[in-house]
């Protein structure tokens, strides 16, 4: 049996890389049946002279899935055997995605519906691992006069700073407020603590003449409106 020479291996690898790029250009990302193929193509731009198929499979096996590879920290990726440049490229993908959605959401200067609020709030929390409480302050016409993160907790819990919510609303002369926080664990269902905190914030805001329009819980790119679900 004839042994394949190094130049032949290199030619085969280059041909495979070119076919992968062409498939994406011609047919889009949905043409890749396997997640490792997506990662393989991405890795080509950090490792232009290396066969990235085996590395892509190794990373997905190590972390468990494509999204877990992309969610890994640079240190975790380097510890898994990639170069620092490769780790930077991989972690850049979700970071750019977050900025992309935030850029789109900034185009929404007014909140006229729950859908508007949902688009803005999901963009604010995209790829965020820690739980935090944020607020949108609105004027009488529904224009956003302030967007603020009020407090950040850990991955499991955060307290609702009712006094800070009121101070933020009063400080920017808001007429109404939309409260929002995220559930990094993935569930959209409000907890008893979420419901109690919502009522406490609503009552405190009413004392200064500010209306709590809604409280949105965000998880995995989706949201739950407490008002639409009858909790407010």
C-alpha atoms as a PDB file:
ATOM      1  CA  UNK A   1       0.000   0.000   0.000  1.00  0.00           C
ATOM      2  CA  UNK A   2       1.366   3.407  -0.995  1.00  0.00           C
ATOM      3  CA  UNK A   3       2.061   5.727   1.954  1.00  0.00           C
ATOM      4  CA  UNK A   4       0.640   9.232   1.696  1.00  0.00           C
ATOM      5  CA  UNK A   5       3.416  11.807   1.745  1.00  0.00           C
ATOM      6  CA  UNK A   6       3.423  15.017   3.793  1.00  0.00           C
ATOM      7  CA  UNK A   7       2.892  17.241   0.722  1.00  0.00           C
ATOM      8  CA  UNK A   8      -0.126  15.108  -0.229  1.00  0.00           C
ATOM      9  CA  UNK A   9      -1.521  15.374   3.312  1.00  0.00           C
ATOM     10  CA  UNK A  10      -1.082  19.122   3.194  1.00  0.00           C
ATOM     11  CA  UNK A  11      -2.865  19.316  -0.159  1.00  0.00           C
ATOM     12  CA  UNK A  12      -5.762  17.191   1.135  1.00  0.00           C
ATOM     13  CA  UNK A  13      -6.056  19.351   4.258  1.00  0.00           C
ATOM     14  CA  UNK A  14      -6.079  22.568   2.233  1.00  0.00           C
ATOM     15  CA  UNK A  15      -8.728  21.101  -0.057  1.00  0.00           C
ATOM     16  CA  UNK A  16     -10.897  20.138   2.897  1.00  0.00           C
ATOM     17  CA  UNK A  17     -10.544  23.613   4.466  1.00  0.00           C
ATOM     18  CA  UNK A  18     -11.499  25.268   1.184  1.00  0.00           C
ATOM     19  CA  UNK A  19     -14.559  23.033   0.784  1.00  0.00           C
ATOM     20  CA  UNK A  20     -15.662  23.922   4.320  1.00  0.00           C
ATOM     21  CA  UNK A  21     -15.356  27.644   3.618  1.00  0.00           C
ATOM     22  CA  UNK A  22     -17.146  27.321   0.301  1.00  0.00           C
ATOM     23  CA  UNK A  23     -20.012  25.411   1.891  1.00  0.00           C
ATOM     24  CA  UNK A  24     -20.529  28.216   4.395  1.00  0.00           C
ATOM     25  CA  UNK A  25     -20.307  30.882   1.704  1.00  0.00           C
ATOM     26  CA  UNK A  26     -22.705  29.122  -0.658  1.00  0.00           C
ATOM     27  CA  UNK A  27     -25.144  27.400   1.702  1.00  0.00           C
ATOM     28  CA  UNK A  28     -24.820  29.120   5.083  1.00  0.00           C
ATOM     29  CA  UNK A  29     -24.279  27.813   8.604  1.00  0.00           C
ATOM     30  CA  UNK A  30     -27.339  25.551   8.484  1.00  0.00           C
ATOM     31  CA  UNK A  31     -25.597  23.380   5.913  1.00  0.00           C
ATOM     32  CA  UNK A  32     -23.325  22.036   8.669  1.00  0.00           C
ATOM     33  CA  UNK A  33     -24.983  18.986  10.182  1.00  0.00           C
ATOM     34  CA  UNK A  34     -22.471  18.630  13.007  1.00  0.00           C
ATOM     35  CA  UNK A  35     -21.530  21.305  15.543  1.00  0.00           C
ATOM     36  CA  UNK A  36     -17.866  20.364  15.361  1.00  0.00           C
ATOM     37  CA  UNK A  37     -17.852  21.460  11.698  1.00  0.00           C
ATOM     38  CA  UNK A  38     -18.896  24.975  12.739  1.00  0.00           C
ATOM     39  CA  UNK A  39     -16.126  25.107  15.312  1.00  0.00           C
ATOM     40  CA  UNK A  40     -13.691  23.587  12.836  1.00  0.00           C
ATOM     41  CA  UNK A  41     -14.350  26.412  10.378  1.00  0.00           C
ATOM     42  CA  UNK A  42     -13.959  29.052  13.093  1.00  0.00           C
ATOM     43  CA  UNK A  43     -10.672  27.576  14.271  1.00  0.00           C
ATOM     44  CA  UNK A  44      -9.234  27.829  10.777  1.00  0.00           C
ATOM     45  CA  UNK A  45      -8.927  31.588  11.252  1.00  0.00           C
ATOM     46  CA  UNK A  46      -6.781  31.166  14.358  1.00  0.00           C
ATOM     47  CA  UNK A  47      -4.809  28.183  13.059  1.00  0.00           C
ATOM     48  CA  UNK A  48      -4.398  28.743   9.307  1.00  0.00           C
ATOM     49  CA  UNK A  49      -1.860  25.977   8.758  1.00  0.00           C
ATOM     50  CA  UNK A  50      -3.297  23.250  10.958  1.00  0.00           C
ATOM     51  CA  UNK A  51      -5.961  20.585  10.558  1.00  0.00           C
ATOM     52  CA  UNK A  52      -8.631  21.880  12.962  1.00  0.00           C
ATOM     53  CA  UNK A  53     -11.132  19.022  12.677  1.00  0.00           C
ATOM     54  CA  UNK A  54      -9.567  16.924  15.434  1.00  0.00           C
ATOM     55  CA  UNK A  55      -9.209  19.959  17.721  1.00  0.00           C
ATOM     56  CA  UNK A  56     -12.843  20.943  17.197  1.00  0.00           C
ATOM     57  CA  UNK A  57     -14.018  17.449  18.121  1.00  0.00           C
ATOM     58  CA  UNK A  58     -11.713  17.392  21.147  1.00  0.00           C
ATOM     59  CA  UNK A  59     -13.032  20.718  22.475  1.00  0.00           C
ATOM     60  CA  UNK A  60     -16.675  19.732  22.099  1.00  0.00           C
ATOM     61  CA  UNK A  61     -15.986  16.402  23.796  1.00  0.00           C
ATOM     62  CA  UNK A  62     -14.110  18.178  26.608  1.00  0.00           C
ATOM     63  CA  UNK A  63     -16.717  20.874  27.302  1.00  0.00           C
ATOM     64  CA  UNK A  64     -19.817  18.900  26.301  1.00  0.00           C
ATOM     65  CA  UNK A  65     -21.315  20.997  23.494  1.00  0.00           C
ATOM     66  CA  UNK A  66     -20.634  23.832  21.070  1.00  0.00           C
ATOM     67  CA  UNK A  67     -22.286  26.453  23.251  1.00  0.00           C
ATOM     68  CA  UNK A  68     -20.252  25.336  26.256  1.00  0.00           C
ATOM     69  CA  UNK A  69     -17.059  25.744  24.238  1.00  0.00           C
ATOM     70  CA  UNK A  70     -18.119  29.273  23.287  1.00  0.00           C
ATOM     71  CA  UNK A  71     -19.115  30.062  26.883  1.00  0.00           C
ATOM     72  CA  UNK A  72     -15.786  28.867  28.318  1.00  0.00           C
ATOM     73  CA  UNK A  73     -13.288  31.379  29.678  1.00  0.00           C
ATOM     74  CA  UNK A  74      -9.938  31.984  28.041  1.00  0.00           C
ATOM     75  CA  UNK A  75      -8.201  30.190  30.919  1.00  0.00           C
ATOM     76  CA  UNK A  76     -10.473  27.163  30.575  1.00  0.00           C
ATOM     77  CA  UNK A  77      -9.776  27.000  26.858  1.00  0.00           C
ATOM     78  CA  UNK A  78      -6.010  27.293  27.288  1.00  0.00           C
ATOM     79  CA  UNK A  79      -6.155  24.604  29.971  1.00  0.00           C
ATOM     80  CA  UNK A  80      -7.980  22.417  27.432  1.00  0.00           C
ATOM     81  CA  UNK A  81      -5.000  22.677  25.094  1.00  0.00           C
ATOM     82  CA  UNK A  82      -5.584  25.603  22.707  1.00  0.00           C
ATOM     83  CA  UNK A  83      -3.260  28.538  22.119  1.00  0.00           C
ATOM     84  CA  UNK A  84      -3.906  31.930  23.671  1.00  0.00           C
ATOM     85  CA  UNK A  85      -4.778  33.418  20.261  1.00  0.00           C
ATOM     86  CA  UNK A  86      -7.299  30.638  19.671  1.00  0.00           C
ATOM     87  CA  UNK A  87      -8.824  31.195  23.110  1.00  0.00           C
ATOM     88  CA  UNK A  88      -9.196  34.909  22.368  1.00  0.00           C
ATOM     89  CA  UNK A  89     -10.946  34.177  19.060  1.00  0.00           C
ATOM     90  CA  UNK A  90     -13.391  31.712  20.627  1.00  0.00           C
ATOM     91  CA  UNK A  91     -14.324  34.023  23.516  1.00  0.00           C
ATOM     92  CA  UNK A  92     -14.682  36.913  21.091  1.00  0.00           C
ATOM     93  CA  UNK A  93     -17.661  35.242  19.380  1.00  0.00           C
ATOM     94  CA  UNK A  94     -20.218  35.508  22.249  1.00  0.00           C
ATOM     95  CA  UNK A  95     -18.816  38.922  23.214  1.00  0.00           C
ATOM     96  CA  UNK A  96     -19.413  40.271  19.705  1.00  0.00           C
ATOM     97  CA  UNK A  97     -22.851  38.629  19.608  1.00  0.00           C
ATOM     98  CA  UNK A  98     -23.794  40.468  22.809  1.00  0.00           C
ATOM     99  CA  UNK A  99     -22.625  43.809  21.432  1.00  0.00           C
ATOM    100  CA  UNK A 100     -24.507  43.121  18.203  1.00  0.00           C
ATOM    101  CA  UNK A 101     -27.793  42.626  20.021  1.00  0.00           C
ATOM    102  CA  UNK A 102     -27.137  45.602  22.308  1.00  0.00           C
ATOM    103  CA  UNK A 103     -26.476  47.745  19.240  1.00  0.00           C
ATOM    104  CA  UNK A 104     -29.795  46.672  17.742  1.00  0.00           C
ATOM    105  CA  UNK A 105     -31.595  47.292  21.027  1.00  0.00           C
ATOM    106  CA  UNK A 106     -30.158  50.813  21.284  1.00  0.00           C
ATOM    107  CA  UNK A 107     -32.186  51.628  18.213  1.00  0.00           C
ATOM    108  CA  UNK A 108     -35.260  51.237  20.394  1.00  0.00           C
ATOM    109  CA  UNK A 109     -35.455  54.547  22.219  1.00  0.00           C
ATOM    110  CA  UNK A 110     -39.090  54.123  23.276  1.00  0.00           C
ATOM    111  CA  UNK A 111     -40.958  51.275  24.947  1.00  0.00           C
ATOM    112  CA  UNK A 112     -44.405  51.000  23.383  1.00  0.00           C
ATOM    113  CA  UNK A 113     -45.071  47.327  24.035  1.00  0.00           C
ATOM    114  CA  UNK A 114     -43.960  44.326  26.051  1.00  0.00           C
ATOM    115  CA  UNK A 115     -42.182  43.086  22.918  1.00  0.00           C
ATOM    116  CA  UNK A 116     -40.091  46.283  22.831  1.00  0.00           C
ATOM    117  CA  UNK A 117     -39.156  45.838  26.486  1.00  0.00           C
ATOM    118  CA  UNK A 118     -38.380  42.164  25.906  1.00  0.00           C
ATOM    119  CA  UNK A 119     -36.014  42.891  23.020  1.00  0.00           C
ATOM    120  CA  UNK A 120     -34.127  45.483  25.054  1.00  0.00           C
ATOM    121  CA  UNK A 121     -33.920  43.386  28.209  1.00  0.00           C
ATOM    122  CA  UNK A 122     -32.823  40.161  26.519  1.00  0.00           C
ATOM    123  CA  UNK A 123     -30.045  42.092  24.770  1.00  0.00           C
ATOM    124  CA  UNK A 124     -28.821  43.535  28.069  1.00  0.00           C
ATOM    125  CA  UNK A 125     -28.463  40.102  29.658  1.00  0.00           C
ATOM    126  CA  UNK A 126     -27.130  38.145  26.687  1.00  0.00           C
ATOM    127  CA  UNK A 127     -24.234  35.851  27.714  1.00  0.00           C
ATOM    128  CA  UNK A 128     -24.278  37.156  31.297  1.00  0.00           C
ATOM    129  CA  UNK A 129     -23.450  34.423  33.811  1.00  0.00           C
ATOM    130  CA  UNK A 130     -24.243  36.292  37.028  1.00  0.00           C
ATOM    131  CA  UNK A 131     -27.697  37.324  38.148  1.00  0.00           C
ATOM    132  CA  UNK A 132     -28.325  41.065  38.256  1.00  0.00           C
ATOM    133  CA  UNK A 133     -31.140  43.576  38.579  1.00  0.00           C
ATOM    134  CA  UNK A 134     -31.553  46.337  36.013  1.00  0.00           C
ATOM    135  CA  UNK A 135     -34.051  49.070  35.386  1.00  0.00           C
ATOM    136  CA  UNK A 136     -35.444  51.016  32.431  1.00  0.00           C
ATOM    137  CA  UNK A 137     -36.693  54.485  33.385  1.00  0.00           C
ATOM    138  CA  UNK A 138     -39.276  56.057  31.073  1.00  0.00           C
ATOM    139  CA  UNK A 139     -40.759  59.525  30.627  1.00  0.00           C
ATOM    140  CA  UNK A 140     -44.443  60.247  29.969  1.00  0.00           C
ATOM    141  CA  UNK A 141     -44.056  59.409  26.279  1.00  0.00           C
ATOM    142  CA  UNK A 142     -42.426  56.036  26.940  1.00  0.00           C
ATOM    143  CA  UNK A 143     -38.946  57.261  25.986  1.00  0.00           C
ATOM    144  CA  UNK A 144     -36.089  55.576  27.828  1.00  0.00           C
ATOM    145  CA  UNK A 145     -34.352  58.260  29.884  1.00  0.00           C
ATOM    146  CA  UNK A 146     -32.044  55.869  31.761  1.00  0.00           C
ATOM    147  CA  UNK A 147     -30.860  52.253  31.607  1.00  0.00           C
ATOM    148  CA  UNK A 148     -29.018  51.089  34.705  1.00  0.00           C
ATOM    149  CA  UNK A 149     -27.670  47.983  36.387  1.00  0.00           C
ATOM    150  CA  UNK A 150     -28.537  48.358  40.051  1.00  0.00           C
ATOM    151  CA  UNK A 151     -26.943  45.330  41.659  1.00  0.00           C
ATOM    152  CA  UNK A 152     -25.170  42.121  40.664  1.00  0.00           C
ATOM    153  CA  UNK A 153     -25.271  38.857  42.604  1.00  0.00           C
ATOM    154  CA  UNK A 154     -23.929  35.405  41.871  1.00  0.00           C
ATOM    155  CA  UNK A 155     -25.168  32.740  39.498  1.00  0.00           C
ATOM    156  CA  UNK A 156     -27.953  31.677  41.877  1.00  0.00           C
ATOM    157  CA  UNK A 157     -29.326  34.745  43.631  1.00  0.00           C
ATOM    158  CA  UNK A 158     -29.492  38.514  43.843  1.00  0.00           C
ATOM    159  CA  UNK A 159     -31.324  40.853  46.194  1.00  0.00           C
ATOM    160  CA  UNK A 160     -33.651  43.582  44.931  1.00  0.00           C
ATOM    161  CA  UNK A 161     -32.473  47.031  46.072  1.00  0.00           C
ATOM    162  CA  UNK A 162     -35.883  48.660  46.446  1.00  0.00           C
ATOM    163  CA  UNK A 163     -34.448  51.921  47.780  1.00  0.00           C
ATOM    164  CA  UNK A 164     -31.994  52.164  44.876  1.00  0.00           C
ATOM    165  CA  UNK A 165     -34.788  51.498  42.390  1.00  0.00           C
ATOM    166  CA  UNK A 166     -36.720  54.443  43.788  1.00  0.00           C
ATOM    167  CA  UNK A 167     -33.653  56.710  43.926  1.00  0.00           C
ATOM    168  CA  UNK A 168     -32.773  55.896  40.308  1.00  0.00           C
ATOM    169  CA  UNK A 169     -36.301  56.647  39.113  1.00  0.00           C
ATOM    170  CA  UNK A 170     -36.502  59.920  41.051  1.00  0.00           C
ATOM    171  CA  UNK A 171     -33.011  60.961  39.991  1.00  0.00           C
ATOM    172  CA  UNK A 172     -33.894  60.913  36.279  1.00  0.00           C
ATOM    173  CA  UNK A 173     -37.461  62.194  36.824  1.00  0.00           C
ATOM    174  CA  UNK A 174     -38.997  59.010  35.459  1.00  0.00           C
ATOM    175  CA  UNK A 175     -42.749  58.696  35.164  1.00  0.00           C
ATOM    176  CA  UNK A 176     -42.644  54.911  34.954  1.00  0.00           C
ATOM    177  CA  UNK A 177     -40.189  52.062  35.401  1.00  0.00           C
ATOM    178  CA  UNK A 178     -39.612  48.598  33.959  1.00  0.00           C
ATOM    179  CA  UNK A 179     -37.755  46.302  36.303  1.00  0.00           C
ATOM    180  CA  UNK A 180     -35.793  43.365  34.907  1.00  0.00           C
ATOM    181  CA  UNK A 181     -33.456  40.658  36.136  1.00  0.00           C
ATOM    182  CA  UNK A 182     -32.024  37.464  34.724  1.00  0.00           C
ATOM    183  CA  UNK A 183     -32.064  33.801  35.716  1.00  0.00           C
ATOM    184  CA  UNK A 184     -28.721  32.356  34.519  1.00  0.00           C
ATOM    185  CA  UNK A 185     -29.977  28.886  35.455  1.00  0.00           C
ATOM    186  CA  UNK A 186     -32.373  28.986  32.541  1.00  0.00           C
ATOM    187  CA  UNK A 187     -35.859  28.998  34.087  1.00  0.00           C
ATOM    188  CA  UNK A 188     -38.260  31.833  33.259  1.00  0.00           C
ATOM    189  CA  UNK A 189     -40.653  31.028  36.105  1.00  0.00           C
ATOM    190  CA  UNK A 190     -40.721  33.717  38.812  1.00  0.00           C
ATOM    191  CA  UNK A 191     -39.817  32.596  42.318  1.00  0.00           C
ATOM    192  CA  UNK A 192     -41.735  33.617  45.427  1.00  0.00           C
ATOM    193  CA  UNK A 193     -38.858  36.018  46.192  1.00  0.00           C
ATOM    194  CA  UNK A 194     -39.235  37.554  42.709  1.00  0.00           C
ATOM    195  CA  UNK A 195     -42.952  38.138  43.242  1.00  0.00           C
ATOM    196  CA  UNK A 196     -42.487  39.593  46.723  1.00  0.00           C
ATOM    197  CA  UNK A 197     -39.724  41.905  45.516  1.00  0.00           C
ATOM    198  CA  UNK A 198     -41.912  43.081  42.633  1.00  0.00           C
ATOM    199  CA  UNK A 199     -44.723  44.048  44.967  1.00  0.00           C
ATOM    200  CA  UNK A 200     -42.288  45.793  47.318  1.00  0.00           C
ATOM    201  CA  UNK A 201     -40.810  47.798  44.442  1.00  0.00           C
ATOM    202  CA  UNK A 202     -44.267  48.669  43.116  1.00  0.00           C
ATOM    203  CA  UNK A 203     -45.418  49.949  46.512  1.00  0.00           C
ATOM    204  CA  UNK A 204     -42.222  51.966  47.063  1.00  0.00           C
ATOM    205  CA  UNK A 205     -42.409  53.564  43.619  1.00  0.00           C
ATOM    206  CA  UNK A 206     -46.039  54.522  44.144  1.00  0.00           C
ATOM    207  CA  UNK A 207     -45.040  56.611  47.175  1.00  0.00           C
ATOM    208  CA  UNK A 208     -43.057  58.906  44.850  1.00  0.00           C
ATOM    209  CA  UNK A 209     -45.626  58.889  42.052  1.00  0.00           C
ATOM    210  CA  UNK A 210     -43.811  56.473  39.721  1.00  0.00           C
ATOM    211  CA  UNK A 211     -45.595  53.532  38.073  1.00  0.00           C
ATOM    212  CA  UNK A 212     -44.029  50.079  37.816  1.00  0.00           C
ATOM    213  CA  UNK A 213     -45.015  49.113  34.273  1.00  0.00           C
ATOM    214  CA  UNK A 214     -43.621  45.590  34.300  1.00  0.00           C
ATOM    215  CA  UNK A 215     -40.996  43.230  35.642  1.00  0.00           C
ATOM    216  CA  UNK A 216     -39.306  41.038  33.036  1.00  0.00           C
ATOM    217  CA  UNK A 217     -37.376  37.892  33.898  1.00  0.00           C
ATOM    218  CA  UNK A 218     -34.792  36.974  31.253  1.00  0.00           C
ATOM    219  CA  UNK A 219     -33.290  33.528  30.642  1.00  0.00           C
ATOM    220  CA  UNK A 220     -31.636  31.862  27.634  1.00  0.00           C
ATOM    221  CA  UNK A 221     -32.496  34.718  25.269  1.00  0.00           C
ATOM    222  CA  UNK A 222     -36.199  34.687  26.202  1.00  0.00           C
ATOM    223  CA  UNK A 223     -38.270  36.614  28.724  1.00  0.00           C
ATOM    224  CA  UNK A 224     -41.303  36.353  30.994  1.00  0.00           C
ATOM    225  CA  UNK A 225     -43.456  39.422  31.612  1.00  0.00           C
ATOM    226  CA  UNK A 226     -44.955  39.398  35.083  1.00  0.00           C
ATOM    227  CA  UNK A 227     -47.691  41.779  33.935  1.00  0.00           C
ATOM    228  CA  UNK A 228     -48.686  39.640  30.961  1.00  0.00           C
ATOM    229  CA  UNK A 229     -48.740  36.566  33.198  1.00  0.00           C
ATOM    230  CA  UNK A 230     -51.007  38.192  35.776  1.00  0.00           C
ATOM    231  CA  UNK A 231     -48.443  38.677  38.566  1.00  0.00           C
ATOM    232  CA  UNK A 232     -48.495  42.480  38.450  1.00  0.00           C
END
